[in-house]
Amino acid sequence: MKLDALDSDGKIKSVSLFVDGKSVGTTKRTPYVFKWIARSLGMHRLRAVAVDNDNKQSESFRTVTIMEKVPPSVTLKQPLEGAMFKTQAEIAVSAQAFARTGKVNRVEYWVREHAFQMAPVKLAATAKTPPYKATIQGLEPGHYMLWAIAIDDHGASSQSLPVRVHVGMK
């Protein structure tokens, strides 16, 4: 874990890191790097203490959550927000996905009509290998929300931010 510390009117003498009230260590040299291995799942409170050459202290706090199974990450790359397509056109979709633990099994592409919040959600395409490209076909004219869901080999999943697309250009 790397920490940064700055002093506007002098220099940093030392930086210390505490996790859940227990000292992880103190260093006097940049970069301020600490080795901390989380031994338990759940939330942990981190506190960094910087001391300058005038012995003035400054503290910074963060909370981190250690999870057993971290869900995969997914970002929809194509199509872009507001893209317009001809009726019955093949719509190319792609996503970037990775799993911190395990591997990504598949990326699913879902659509629903944008105008109706209660419109049915439809699985439109699936890609099983990187770069997770597929095509969506057969959308009737209208406005749609489209998003990707990555599913890993543990069954964990996460969803990309949706984009709006328009089908019906001549």
N, C-alpha and C. Protein backbone atom coordinates (compact mmCIF):
# COMPACT_ATOMS: atom_id res chain seq x y z
N MET A 1 0.85 -1.15 0.00
CA MET A 1 0.00 0.00 0.00
C MET A 1 0.90 1.23 0.00
N LYS A 2 0.65 2.14 -0.93
CA LYS A 2 1.47 3.34 -1.05
C LYS A 2 0.66 4.55 -0.61
N LEU A 3 1.27 5.39 0.23
CA LEU A 3 0.63 6.60 0.72
C LEU A 3 1.42 7.81 0.24
N ASP A 4 0.73 8.93 0.07
CA ASP A 4 1.37 10.20 -0.27
C ASP A 4 1.21 11.16 0.89
N ALA A 5 2.21 12.00 1.11
CA ALA A 5 2.14 13.03 2.15
C ALA A 5 2.93 14.24 1.67
N LEU A 6 2.38 15.43 1.88
CA LEU A 6 3.02 16.67 1.47
C LEU A 6 3.00 17.66 2.63
N ASP A 7 4.00 18.54 2.67
CA ASP A 7 4.05 19.60 3.67
C ASP A 7 4.33 20.90 2.94
N SER A 8 3.44 21.87 3.03
CA SER A 8 3.56 23.11 2.26
C SER A 8 4.65 24.03 2.77
N ASP A 9 5.06 23.92 4.04
CA ASP A 9 6.07 24.84 4.57
C ASP A 9 7.29 24.12 5.16
N GLY A 10 7.54 22.93 4.73
CA GLY A 10 8.68 22.17 5.24
C GLY A 10 8.76 20.84 4.55
N LYS A 11 9.13 19.82 5.32
CA LYS A 11 9.18 18.49 4.73
C LYS A 11 8.64 17.44 5.70
N ILE A 12 8.23 16.33 5.15
CA ILE A 12 7.67 15.23 5.94
C ILE A 12 8.81 14.48 6.60
N LYS A 13 8.68 14.29 7.92
CA LYS A 13 9.69 13.54 8.68
C LYS A 13 9.37 12.05 8.69
N SER A 14 8.07 11.71 8.84
CA SER A 14 7.68 10.30 8.85
C SER A 14 6.20 10.15 8.54
N VAL A 15 5.85 8.93 8.08
CA VAL A 15 4.45 8.57 7.85
C VAL A 15 4.23 7.22 8.51
N SER A 16 3.13 7.12 9.28
CA SER A 16 2.78 5.87 9.95
C SER A 16 1.42 5.41 9.46
N LEU A 17 1.23 4.10 9.42
CA LEU A 17 -0.05 3.52 9.02
C LEU A 17 -0.57 2.64 10.15
N PHE A 18 -1.85 2.82 10.47
CA PHE A 18 -2.54 2.02 11.48
C PHE A 18 -3.76 1.38 10.84
N VAL A 19 -4.02 0.12 11.16
CA VAL A 19 -5.21 -0.58 10.68
C VAL A 19 -5.95 -1.09 11.90
N ASP A 20 -7.20 -0.68 12.03
CA ASP A 20 -8.03 -1.06 13.17
C ASP A 20 -7.33 -0.76 14.49
N GLY A 21 -6.62 0.38 14.54
CA GLY A 21 -5.95 0.83 15.76
C GLY A 21 -4.58 0.22 16.00
N LYS A 22 -4.15 -0.72 15.18
CA LYS A 22 -2.85 -1.37 15.37
C LYS A 22 -1.85 -0.85 14.34
N SER A 23 -0.63 -0.62 14.78
CA SER A 23 0.40 -0.09 13.91
C SER A 23 0.83 -1.13 12.87
N VAL A 24 0.87 -0.69 11.61
CA VAL A 24 1.41 -1.51 10.53
C VAL A 24 2.89 -1.18 10.36
N GLY A 25 3.24 0.08 10.62
CA GLY A 25 4.63 0.51 10.51
C GLY A 25 4.77 1.99 10.32
N THR A 26 6.02 2.44 10.34
CA THR A 26 6.38 3.83 10.13
C THR A 26 7.55 3.86 9.16
N THR A 27 7.51 4.82 8.25
CA THR A 27 8.63 4.98 7.32
C THR A 27 9.00 6.45 7.24
N LYS A 28 10.29 6.68 7.01
CA LYS A 28 10.80 8.06 6.92
C LYS A 28 11.23 8.42 5.51
N ARG A 29 11.05 7.47 4.57
CA ARG A 29 11.53 7.69 3.21
C ARG A 29 10.39 7.52 2.20
N THR A 30 10.42 8.40 1.19
CA THR A 30 9.47 8.25 0.09
C THR A 30 10.00 7.19 -0.85
N PRO A 31 9.17 6.47 -1.53
CA PRO A 31 7.71 6.47 -1.40
C PRO A 31 7.31 5.80 -0.09
N TYR A 32 6.22 6.26 0.48
CA TYR A 32 5.72 5.74 1.76
C TYR A 32 4.93 4.47 1.48
N VAL A 33 5.62 3.34 1.53
CA VAL A 33 5.03 2.06 1.16
C VAL A 33 4.94 1.17 2.40
N PHE A 34 3.77 0.53 2.54
CA PHE A 34 3.53 -0.36 3.68
C PHE A 34 3.01 -1.70 3.18
N LYS A 35 3.40 -2.77 3.85
CA LYS A 35 2.89 -4.09 3.52
C LYS A 35 1.88 -4.46 4.59
N TRP A 36 0.62 -4.57 4.16
CA TRP A 36 -0.45 -4.97 5.06
C TRP A 36 -1.21 -6.11 4.41
N ILE A 37 -1.32 -7.21 5.12
CA ILE A 37 -2.07 -8.36 4.64
C ILE A 37 -3.32 -8.48 5.51
N ALA A 38 -4.48 -8.34 4.88
CA ALA A 38 -5.74 -8.44 5.62
C ALA A 38 -5.93 -9.88 6.07
N ARG A 39 -6.10 -10.08 7.34
CA ARG A 39 -6.25 -11.42 7.88
C ARG A 39 -7.71 -11.79 8.13
N SER A 40 -8.61 -10.81 7.94
CA SER A 40 -10.03 -11.10 8.15
C SER A 40 -10.87 -10.34 7.14
N LEU A 41 -12.02 -10.92 6.83
CA LEU A 41 -12.97 -10.28 5.92
C LEU A 41 -13.70 -9.17 6.65
N GLY A 42 -14.29 -8.27 5.88
CA GLY A 42 -15.10 -7.21 6.46
C GLY A 42 -14.43 -5.86 6.36
N MET A 43 -14.99 -4.90 7.12
CA MET A 43 -14.52 -3.52 7.08
C MET A 43 -13.32 -3.34 8.00
N HIS A 44 -12.37 -2.54 7.51
CA HIS A 44 -11.18 -2.21 8.29
C HIS A 44 -10.96 -0.70 8.20
N ARG A 45 -10.64 -0.11 9.33
CA ARG A 45 -10.42 1.34 9.41
C ARG A 45 -8.92 1.61 9.32
N LEU A 46 -8.52 2.38 8.29
CA LEU A 46 -7.12 2.74 8.11
C LEU A 46 -6.91 4.18 8.54
N ARG A 47 -5.79 4.42 9.21
CA ARG A 47 -5.43 5.78 9.65
C ARG A 47 -3.97 6.01 9.30
N ALA A 48 -3.70 7.06 8.53
CA ALA A 48 -2.33 7.44 8.21
C ALA A 48 -2.00 8.70 8.99
N VAL A 49 -0.80 8.72 9.56
CA VAL A 49 -0.35 9.87 10.35
C VAL A 49 0.96 10.37 9.75
N ALA A 50 0.97 11.63 9.30
CA ALA A 50 2.18 12.25 8.76
C ALA A 50 2.70 13.24 9.79
N VAL A 51 4.01 13.24 10.01
CA VAL A 51 4.67 14.15 10.94
C VAL A 51 5.69 14.95 10.13
N ASP A 52 5.64 16.30 10.27
CA ASP A 52 6.58 17.12 9.52
C ASP A 52 7.80 17.48 10.36
N ASN A 53 8.71 18.27 9.77
CA ASN A 53 9.95 18.62 10.44
C ASN A 53 9.73 19.54 11.65
N ASP A 54 8.53 20.11 11.82
CA ASP A 54 8.18 20.90 13.01
C ASP A 54 7.41 20.07 14.02
N ASN A 55 7.37 18.75 13.82
CA ASN A 55 6.63 17.79 14.67
C ASN A 55 5.12 18.04 14.69
N LYS A 56 4.61 18.67 13.64
CA LYS A 56 3.16 18.83 13.49
C LYS A 56 2.63 17.57 12.82
N GLN A 57 1.44 17.11 13.25
CA GLN A 57 0.85 15.89 12.73
C GLN A 57 -0.40 16.19 11.92
N SER A 58 -0.62 15.35 10.93
CA SER A 58 -1.84 15.39 10.15
C SER A 58 -2.30 13.95 9.96
N GLU A 59 -3.62 13.73 10.03
CA GLU A 59 -4.16 12.38 9.91
C GLU A 59 -5.12 12.29 8.73
N SER A 60 -5.19 11.12 8.16
CA SER A 60 -6.15 10.83 7.10
C SER A 60 -6.75 9.46 7.39
N PHE A 61 -8.06 9.33 7.16
CA PHE A 61 -8.77 8.10 7.47
C PHE A 61 -9.42 7.53 6.21
N ARG A 62 -9.44 6.21 6.11
CA ARG A 62 -10.16 5.50 5.05
C ARG A 62 -10.72 4.22 5.64
N THR A 63 -11.81 3.77 5.06
CA THR A 63 -12.37 2.47 5.41
C THR A 63 -12.31 1.61 4.16
N VAL A 64 -11.79 0.40 4.31
CA VAL A 64 -11.74 -0.55 3.22
C VAL A 64 -12.51 -1.79 3.62
N THR A 65 -13.11 -2.44 2.65
CA THR A 65 -13.85 -3.67 2.90
C THR A 65 -13.16 -4.82 2.18
N ILE A 66 -12.81 -5.84 2.93
CA ILE A 66 -12.18 -7.02 2.37
C ILE A 66 -13.27 -8.06 2.13
N MET A 67 -13.36 -8.52 0.88
CA MET A 67 -14.40 -9.47 0.51
C MET A 67 -13.78 -10.78 0.06
N GLU A 68 -14.49 -11.87 0.30
CA GLU A 68 -14.01 -13.17 -0.14
C GLU A 68 -14.12 -13.31 -1.65
N LYS A 69 -15.25 -12.93 -2.17
CA LYS A 69 -15.48 -13.03 -3.61
C LYS A 69 -15.77 -11.64 -4.15
N VAL A 70 -14.82 -11.11 -4.88
CA VAL A 70 -14.99 -9.80 -5.48
C VAL A 70 -15.67 -9.99 -6.83
N PRO A 71 -16.78 -9.31 -7.07
CA PRO A 71 -17.44 -9.47 -8.37
C PRO A 71 -16.59 -8.93 -9.50
N PRO A 72 -16.81 -9.41 -10.71
CA PRO A 72 -16.02 -8.91 -11.84
C PRO A 72 -16.37 -7.46 -12.14
N SER A 73 -15.55 -6.85 -12.95
CA SER A 73 -15.78 -5.47 -13.37
C SER A 73 -16.11 -5.49 -14.86
N VAL A 74 -17.03 -4.64 -15.28
CA VAL A 74 -17.41 -4.59 -16.70
C VAL A 74 -17.70 -3.16 -17.11
N THR A 75 -17.21 -2.79 -18.30
CA THR A 75 -17.46 -1.48 -18.89
C THR A 75 -17.93 -1.69 -20.32
N LEU A 76 -19.07 -1.14 -20.65
CA LEU A 76 -19.60 -1.21 -22.02
C LEU A 76 -18.80 -0.25 -22.88
N LYS A 77 -18.19 -0.77 -23.94
CA LYS A 77 -17.36 0.05 -24.84
C LYS A 77 -18.10 0.47 -26.11
N GLN A 78 -19.00 -0.40 -26.56
CA GLN A 78 -19.71 -0.13 -27.80
C GLN A 78 -21.10 -0.71 -27.70
N PRO A 79 -22.16 -0.03 -28.08
CA PRO A 79 -22.20 1.26 -28.74
C PRO A 79 -22.04 2.41 -27.74
N LEU A 80 -21.83 3.58 -28.28
CA LEU A 80 -21.69 4.77 -27.46
C LEU A 80 -23.07 5.34 -27.11
N GLU A 81 -23.13 6.11 -26.06
CA GLU A 81 -24.35 6.79 -25.64
C GLU A 81 -24.93 7.59 -26.81
N GLY A 82 -26.23 7.41 -27.06
CA GLY A 82 -26.92 8.18 -28.10
C GLY A 82 -26.73 7.67 -29.52
N ALA A 83 -26.11 6.52 -29.69
CA ALA A 83 -25.89 5.98 -31.04
C ALA A 83 -27.22 5.74 -31.75
N MET A 84 -27.21 5.93 -33.06
CA MET A 84 -28.41 5.76 -33.87
C MET A 84 -28.17 4.66 -34.89
N PHE A 85 -29.18 3.79 -35.08
CA PHE A 85 -29.06 2.66 -35.99
C PHE A 85 -30.28 2.58 -36.89
N LYS A 86 -30.08 2.02 -38.07
CA LYS A 86 -31.20 1.79 -38.99
C LYS A 86 -32.05 0.64 -38.46
N THR A 87 -33.31 0.64 -38.81
CA THR A 87 -34.21 -0.46 -38.44
C THR A 87 -33.65 -1.77 -38.97
N GLN A 88 -33.68 -2.79 -38.13
CA GLN A 88 -33.19 -4.13 -38.44
C GLN A 88 -31.67 -4.21 -38.66
N ALA A 89 -30.93 -3.17 -38.30
CA ALA A 89 -29.47 -3.21 -38.43
C ALA A 89 -28.87 -4.13 -37.37
N GLU A 90 -27.73 -4.70 -37.70
CA GLU A 90 -26.97 -5.45 -36.69
C GLU A 90 -26.21 -4.42 -35.86
N ILE A 91 -26.40 -4.47 -34.56
CA ILE A 91 -25.76 -3.53 -33.66
C ILE A 91 -24.58 -4.23 -33.00
N ALA A 92 -23.37 -3.73 -33.28
CA ALA A 92 -22.16 -4.30 -32.68
C ALA A 92 -22.07 -3.84 -31.23
N VAL A 93 -21.82 -4.79 -30.33
CA VAL A 93 -21.63 -4.48 -28.91
C VAL A 93 -20.29 -5.07 -28.47
N SER A 94 -19.67 -4.38 -27.53
CA SER A 94 -18.43 -4.90 -26.95
C SER A 94 -18.27 -4.34 -25.55
N ALA A 95 -17.55 -5.08 -24.74
CA ALA A 95 -17.33 -4.67 -23.35
C ALA A 95 -15.93 -5.09 -22.92
N GLN A 96 -15.43 -4.37 -21.96
CA GLN A 96 -14.18 -4.74 -21.31
C GLN A 96 -14.57 -5.32 -19.96
N ALA A 97 -14.10 -6.53 -19.65
CA ALA A 97 -14.46 -7.18 -18.38
C ALA A 97 -13.25 -7.91 -17.83
N PHE A 98 -13.12 -7.89 -16.50
CA PHE A 98 -12.07 -8.67 -15.86
C PHE A 98 -12.52 -9.07 -14.46
N ALA A 99 -11.94 -10.14 -13.99
CA ALA A 99 -12.24 -10.64 -12.64
C ALA A 99 -10.97 -10.59 -11.82
N ARG A 100 -11.05 -10.02 -10.63
CA ARG A 100 -9.88 -9.98 -9.74
C ARG A 100 -9.57 -11.35 -9.18
N THR A 101 -10.61 -12.12 -8.95
CA THR A 101 -10.42 -13.50 -8.48
C THR A 101 -11.14 -14.40 -9.48
N GLY A 102 -10.50 -15.42 -9.95
CA GLY A 102 -11.13 -16.31 -10.93
C GLY A 102 -11.06 -15.73 -12.32
N LYS A 103 -12.10 -16.05 -13.13
CA LYS A 103 -12.12 -15.55 -14.51
C LYS A 103 -13.54 -15.20 -14.90
N VAL A 104 -13.66 -14.39 -15.93
CA VAL A 104 -14.97 -14.01 -16.47
C VAL A 104 -15.46 -15.17 -17.33
N ASN A 105 -16.65 -15.70 -17.01
CA ASN A 105 -17.25 -16.77 -17.81
C ASN A 105 -17.93 -16.25 -19.06
N ARG A 106 -18.63 -15.12 -18.90
CA ARG A 106 -19.35 -14.56 -20.05
C ARG A 106 -19.77 -13.13 -19.75
N VAL A 107 -20.05 -12.42 -20.83
CA VAL A 107 -20.64 -11.08 -20.75
C VAL A 107 -21.96 -11.14 -21.49
N GLU A 108 -23.02 -10.73 -20.82
CA GLU A 108 -24.36 -10.71 -21.42
C GLU A 108 -24.73 -9.27 -21.74
N TYR A 109 -25.43 -9.09 -22.86
CA TYR A 109 -25.90 -7.77 -23.27
C TYR A 109 -27.42 -7.76 -23.17
N TRP A 110 -27.94 -6.83 -22.40
CA TRP A 110 -29.37 -6.73 -22.11
C TRP A 110 -29.92 -5.43 -22.66
N VAL A 111 -31.20 -5.47 -23.11
CA VAL A 111 -31.88 -4.27 -23.61
C VAL A 111 -33.30 -4.21 -23.04
N ARG A 112 -33.80 -2.99 -23.01
CA ARG A 112 -35.21 -2.76 -22.72
C ARG A 112 -35.58 -1.43 -23.34
N GLU A 113 -36.86 -1.29 -23.65
CA GLU A 113 -37.33 -0.03 -24.21
C GLU A 113 -37.10 1.08 -23.20
N HIS A 114 -36.56 2.18 -23.68
CA HIS A 114 -36.19 3.29 -22.80
C HIS A 114 -37.41 4.06 -22.28
N ALA A 115 -38.42 4.17 -23.10
CA ALA A 115 -39.56 5.01 -22.76
C ALA A 115 -40.41 4.44 -21.63
N PHE A 116 -40.33 3.14 -21.40
CA PHE A 116 -41.19 2.51 -20.41
C PHE A 116 -40.34 1.85 -19.32
N GLN A 117 -40.38 2.42 -18.12
CA GLN A 117 -39.57 1.88 -17.02
C GLN A 117 -39.93 0.44 -16.69
N MET A 118 -41.17 0.06 -16.92
CA MET A 118 -41.60 -1.30 -16.61
C MET A 118 -41.54 -2.23 -17.83
N ALA A 119 -40.91 -1.77 -18.91
CA ALA A 119 -40.78 -2.60 -20.11
C ALA A 119 -39.98 -3.85 -19.78
N PRO A 120 -40.30 -4.97 -20.42
CA PRO A 120 -39.56 -6.20 -20.15
C PRO A 120 -38.09 -6.06 -20.55
N VAL A 121 -37.25 -6.72 -19.79
CA VAL A 121 -35.83 -6.74 -20.07
C VAL A 121 -35.54 -7.99 -20.90
N LYS A 122 -34.70 -7.83 -21.94
CA LYS A 122 -34.45 -8.93 -22.86
C LYS A 122 -32.95 -9.18 -22.97
N LEU A 123 -32.54 -10.46 -22.82
CA LEU A 123 -31.17 -10.85 -23.10
C LEU A 123 -30.99 -10.81 -24.62
N ALA A 124 -30.10 -9.94 -25.11
CA ALA A 124 -29.98 -9.73 -26.55
C ALA A 124 -28.77 -10.43 -27.17
N ALA A 125 -27.72 -10.66 -26.38
CA ALA A 125 -26.51 -11.32 -26.91
C ALA A 125 -25.62 -11.75 -25.76
N THR A 126 -24.73 -12.69 -26.04
CA THR A 126 -23.77 -13.18 -25.06
C THR A 126 -22.42 -13.37 -25.74
N ALA A 127 -21.36 -13.00 -25.03
CA ALA A 127 -20.00 -13.23 -25.51
C ALA A 127 -19.23 -13.97 -24.41
N LYS A 128 -18.50 -15.02 -24.80
CA LYS A 128 -17.83 -15.85 -23.80
C LYS A 128 -16.32 -15.69 -23.74
N THR A 129 -15.74 -14.98 -24.70
CA THR A 129 -14.29 -14.81 -24.71
C THR A 129 -13.93 -13.35 -24.98
N PRO A 130 -12.80 -12.90 -24.42
CA PRO A 130 -12.35 -11.54 -24.70
C PRO A 130 -12.12 -11.38 -26.20
N PRO A 131 -12.39 -10.29 -26.79
CA PRO A 131 -12.75 -9.00 -26.22
C PRO A 131 -14.25 -8.81 -26.01
N TYR A 132 -14.99 -9.86 -25.82
CA TYR A 132 -16.43 -9.84 -25.48
C TYR A 132 -17.24 -9.02 -26.49
N LYS A 133 -17.12 -9.40 -27.76
CA LYS A 133 -17.86 -8.75 -28.84
C LYS A 133 -19.03 -9.63 -29.26
N ALA A 134 -20.13 -8.98 -29.65
CA ALA A 134 -21.31 -9.69 -30.15
C ALA A 134 -22.12 -8.71 -31.01
N THR A 135 -23.21 -9.21 -31.56
CA THR A 135 -24.12 -8.34 -32.30
C THR A 135 -25.54 -8.56 -31.80
N ILE A 136 -26.30 -7.49 -31.82
CA ILE A 136 -27.72 -7.53 -31.45
C ILE A 136 -28.51 -7.30 -32.73
N GLN A 137 -29.51 -8.14 -32.95
CA GLN A 137 -30.31 -8.05 -34.17
C GLN A 137 -31.79 -8.01 -33.80
N GLY A 138 -32.57 -7.48 -34.73
CA GLY A 138 -34.02 -7.58 -34.63
C GLY A 138 -34.71 -6.59 -33.73
N LEU A 139 -34.05 -5.50 -33.37
CA LEU A 139 -34.75 -4.49 -32.55
C LEU A 139 -35.68 -3.66 -33.43
N GLU A 140 -36.89 -3.53 -32.98
CA GLU A 140 -37.88 -2.72 -33.68
C GLU A 140 -37.53 -1.24 -33.49
N PRO A 141 -38.09 -0.35 -34.31
CA PRO A 141 -37.83 1.07 -34.13
C PRO A 141 -38.21 1.52 -32.72
N GLY A 142 -37.37 2.35 -32.13
CA GLY A 142 -37.62 2.86 -30.79
C GLY A 142 -36.34 3.27 -30.08
N HIS A 143 -36.51 3.69 -28.85
CA HIS A 143 -35.40 4.08 -27.98
C HIS A 143 -35.16 2.95 -26.99
N TYR A 144 -33.90 2.60 -26.78
CA TYR A 144 -33.57 1.47 -25.91
C TYR A 144 -32.47 1.84 -24.92
N MET A 145 -32.52 1.16 -23.79
CA MET A 145 -31.41 1.16 -22.83
C MET A 145 -30.67 -0.14 -23.07
N LEU A 146 -29.34 -0.10 -23.09
CA LEU A 146 -28.53 -1.27 -23.34
C LEU A 146 -27.40 -1.30 -22.30
N TRP A 147 -27.13 -2.46 -21.72
CA TRP A 147 -26.05 -2.59 -20.73
C TRP A 147 -25.46 -3.98 -20.80
N ALA A 148 -24.29 -4.12 -20.18
CA ALA A 148 -23.58 -5.40 -20.14
C ALA A 148 -23.52 -5.90 -18.70
N ILE A 149 -23.58 -7.21 -18.55
CA ILE A 149 -23.41 -7.85 -17.24
C ILE A 149 -22.31 -8.90 -17.39
N ALA A 150 -21.28 -8.80 -16.54
CA ALA A 150 -20.20 -9.79 -16.53
C ALA A 150 -20.47 -10.78 -15.41
N ILE A 151 -20.31 -12.07 -15.72
CA ILE A 151 -20.52 -13.15 -14.73
C ILE A 151 -19.21 -13.94 -14.65
N ASP A 152 -18.70 -14.11 -13.42
CA ASP A 152 -17.44 -14.84 -13.27
C ASP A 152 -17.67 -16.31 -12.97
N ASP A 153 -16.59 -17.07 -12.81
CA ASP A 153 -16.68 -18.51 -12.59
C ASP A 153 -17.17 -18.88 -11.19
N HIS A 154 -17.37 -17.88 -10.31
CA HIS A 154 -17.96 -18.12 -8.99
C HIS A 154 -19.45 -17.78 -8.97
N GLY A 155 -19.95 -17.28 -10.10
CA GLY A 155 -21.35 -16.88 -10.17
C GLY A 155 -21.60 -15.44 -9.78
N ALA A 156 -20.55 -14.71 -9.39
CA ALA A 156 -20.70 -13.30 -9.04
C ALA A 156 -20.86 -12.50 -10.32
N SER A 157 -21.59 -11.39 -10.23
CA SER A 157 -21.82 -10.58 -11.43
C SER A 157 -21.82 -9.10 -11.09
N SER A 158 -21.61 -8.30 -12.12
CA SER A 158 -21.75 -6.85 -11.98
C SER A 158 -22.23 -6.30 -13.31
N GLN A 159 -22.80 -5.12 -13.26
CA GLN A 159 -23.43 -4.51 -14.42
C GLN A 159 -22.71 -3.23 -14.80
N SER A 160 -22.60 -2.99 -16.10
CA SER A 160 -22.03 -1.73 -16.60
C SER A 160 -23.06 -0.62 -16.46
N LEU A 161 -22.61 0.59 -16.66
CA LEU A 161 -23.55 1.69 -16.79
C LEU A 161 -24.30 1.51 -18.11
N PRO A 162 -25.58 1.83 -18.15
CA PRO A 162 -26.34 1.66 -19.40
C PRO A 162 -26.09 2.82 -20.36
N VAL A 163 -26.36 2.57 -21.64
CA VAL A 163 -26.35 3.60 -22.66
C VAL A 163 -27.71 3.60 -23.34
N ARG A 164 -28.08 4.76 -23.89
CA ARG A 164 -29.32 4.87 -24.65
C ARG A 164 -28.96 4.82 -26.12
N VAL A 165 -29.72 4.04 -26.88
CA VAL A 165 -29.54 3.96 -28.32
C VAL A 165 -30.89 4.15 -28.99
N HIS A 166 -30.86 4.58 -30.25
CA HIS A 166 -32.08 4.81 -31.02
C HIS A 166 -32.05 3.94 -32.28
N VAL A 167 -33.11 3.19 -32.47
CA VAL A 167 -33.25 2.37 -33.67
C VAL A 167 -34.40 2.94 -34.49
N GLY A 168 -34.17 3.14 -35.78
CA GLY A 168 -35.25 3.66 -36.62
C GLY A 168 -34.81 4.66 -37.62
N MET A 169 -33.51 4.90 -37.77
CA MET A 169 -33.02 5.81 -38.80
C MET A 169 -33.26 5.20 -40.17
N LYS A 170 -33.49 6.01 -41.13
CA LYS A 170 -33.66 5.53 -42.51
C LYS A 170 -32.31 5.41 -43.17
